[in-house]
Protein backbone atom coordinates (compact mmCIF):
# COMPACT_ATOMS: atom_id res chain seq x y z
CA MET A 1 -20.98 -37.81 14.45
CA LYS A 2 -20.52 -37.06 18.13
CA LYS A 3 -17.94 -39.86 18.46
CA PHE A 4 -16.05 -38.51 15.46
CA ALA A 5 -15.96 -35.01 16.98
CA ILE A 6 -14.61 -36.40 20.27
CA PHE A 7 -11.99 -38.42 18.37
CA ALA A 8 -10.94 -35.39 16.31
CA ILE A 9 -10.51 -33.20 19.40
CA ALA A 10 -8.53 -35.92 21.20
CA ALA A 11 -6.31 -36.48 18.15
CA MET A 12 -5.60 -32.76 17.82
CA LEU A 13 -4.64 -32.52 21.48
CA CYS A 14 -2.30 -35.52 21.14
CA VAL A 15 -0.74 -34.13 17.98
CA SER A 16 -0.32 -30.68 19.53
CA PHE A 17 1.40 -32.20 22.57
CA ALA A 18 3.66 -34.36 20.39
CA ALA A 19 4.63 -31.40 18.23
CA SER A 20 5.44 -29.22 21.24
CA GLN A 21 7.69 -31.94 22.63
CA ALA A 22 9.43 -32.53 19.31
CA ASP A 23 11.99 -30.50 17.44
CA ALA A 24 10.96 -26.90 16.73
CA GLY A 25 10.88 -27.82 13.04
CA ALA A 26 7.99 -30.30 13.43
CA LYS A 27 5.12 -29.81 10.98
CA ILE A 28 1.49 -30.75 11.58
CA ARG A 29 -0.68 -31.76 8.64
CA VAL A 30 -4.47 -32.15 8.81
CA GLY A 31 -6.65 -33.29 5.94
CA GLY A 32 -9.71 -35.09 4.71
CA GLY A 33 -10.12 -37.92 2.29
CA MET A 34 -12.21 -40.74 0.98
CA ILE A 35 -11.76 -44.44 0.36
CA PHE A 36 -13.29 -44.77 -3.10
CA ASP A 37 -14.04 -48.47 -2.75
CA GLY A 38 -17.38 -47.99 -0.99
CA SER A 39 -17.23 -44.17 -0.78
CA ILE A 40 -16.14 -44.00 2.88
CA PRO A 41 -15.38 -40.39 3.99
CA GLY A 42 -12.87 -39.55 6.70
CA GLY A 43 -9.90 -37.47 7.76
CA GLY A 44 -6.52 -37.64 9.35
CA VAL A 45 -3.67 -35.90 11.12
CA ALA A 46 0.10 -36.30 10.79
CA VAL A 47 3.18 -34.94 12.53
CA ASP A 48 6.44 -34.70 10.56
CA ILE A 49 9.49 -34.71 12.84
CA PRO A 50 12.79 -33.84 11.13
CA MET A 51 16.12 -35.24 12.38
CA SER A 52 18.34 -32.22 13.10
CA ASP A 53 19.53 -30.54 9.90
CA LYS A 54 19.37 -33.71 7.83
CA PRO A 55 16.85 -34.14 4.97
CA TYR A 56 15.15 -37.15 6.54
CA GLY A 57 12.78 -37.65 9.46
CA ILE A 58 9.85 -39.57 10.91
CA THR A 59 6.13 -39.14 10.22
CA LEU A 60 3.49 -40.21 12.74
CA SER A 61 -0.01 -40.30 11.27
CA THR A 62 -3.50 -41.58 11.90
CA GLU A 63 -6.66 -41.54 9.81
CA TYR A 64 -10.31 -42.21 10.64
CA TYR A 65 -12.91 -43.44 8.15
CA LYS A 66 -16.47 -44.46 9.06
CA LYS A 67 -19.65 -45.22 7.16
CA SER A 68 -22.63 -47.49 7.95
CA GLY A 69 -20.99 -49.35 10.80
CA VAL A 70 -17.67 -49.83 8.98
CA THR A 71 -14.79 -48.10 10.79
CA LEU A 72 -11.21 -47.99 9.53
CA MET A 73 -8.47 -46.33 11.57
CA PRO A 74 -4.95 -46.91 10.21
CA VAL A 75 -2.04 -45.65 12.34
CA ARG A 76 1.40 -45.34 10.76
CA ILE A 77 5.00 -44.55 11.61
CA MET A 78 7.08 -43.92 8.50
CA ALA A 79 10.63 -42.90 7.63
CA MET A 80 10.68 -40.10 5.07
CA PHE A 81 12.95 -37.97 2.94
CA MET A 82 12.06 -34.26 2.71
CA THR A 83 13.45 -31.65 0.34
CA PRO A 84 12.24 -28.18 -0.72
CA ALA A 85 10.47 -28.20 -4.09
CA GLY A 86 10.05 -24.48 -4.48
CA GLU A 87 9.36 -21.42 -2.40
CA LYS A 88 6.11 -22.70 -0.85
CA ALA A 89 6.30 -26.47 -1.36
CA ASP A 90 8.14 -29.49 0.01
CA PHE A 91 8.71 -32.87 -1.62
CA TYR A 92 8.13 -35.92 0.62
CA LEU A 93 9.17 -39.49 -0.13
CA GLY A 94 8.39 -42.08 2.54
CA ALA A 95 8.26 -45.76 3.24
């Protein structure tokens, strides 16, 4: 648990630094999740960086899952399409 707390703090600092260096429209997402095959809990962070006024951008994300000596830590860079889907929601499509 101590290693996870250190990782989470380090990840938040990295994400905060990346967002401050990016476009003012960058969005930070933080969440939790579970890999159902084996019930492995974890969490992740992502930074969405839009490209100027265009509806597409780049997402940088990492997740951390650990249970009983099994550790999974996928890191991704994805292209995405973003469009408003209402007053308080956005629609994301990425690859």
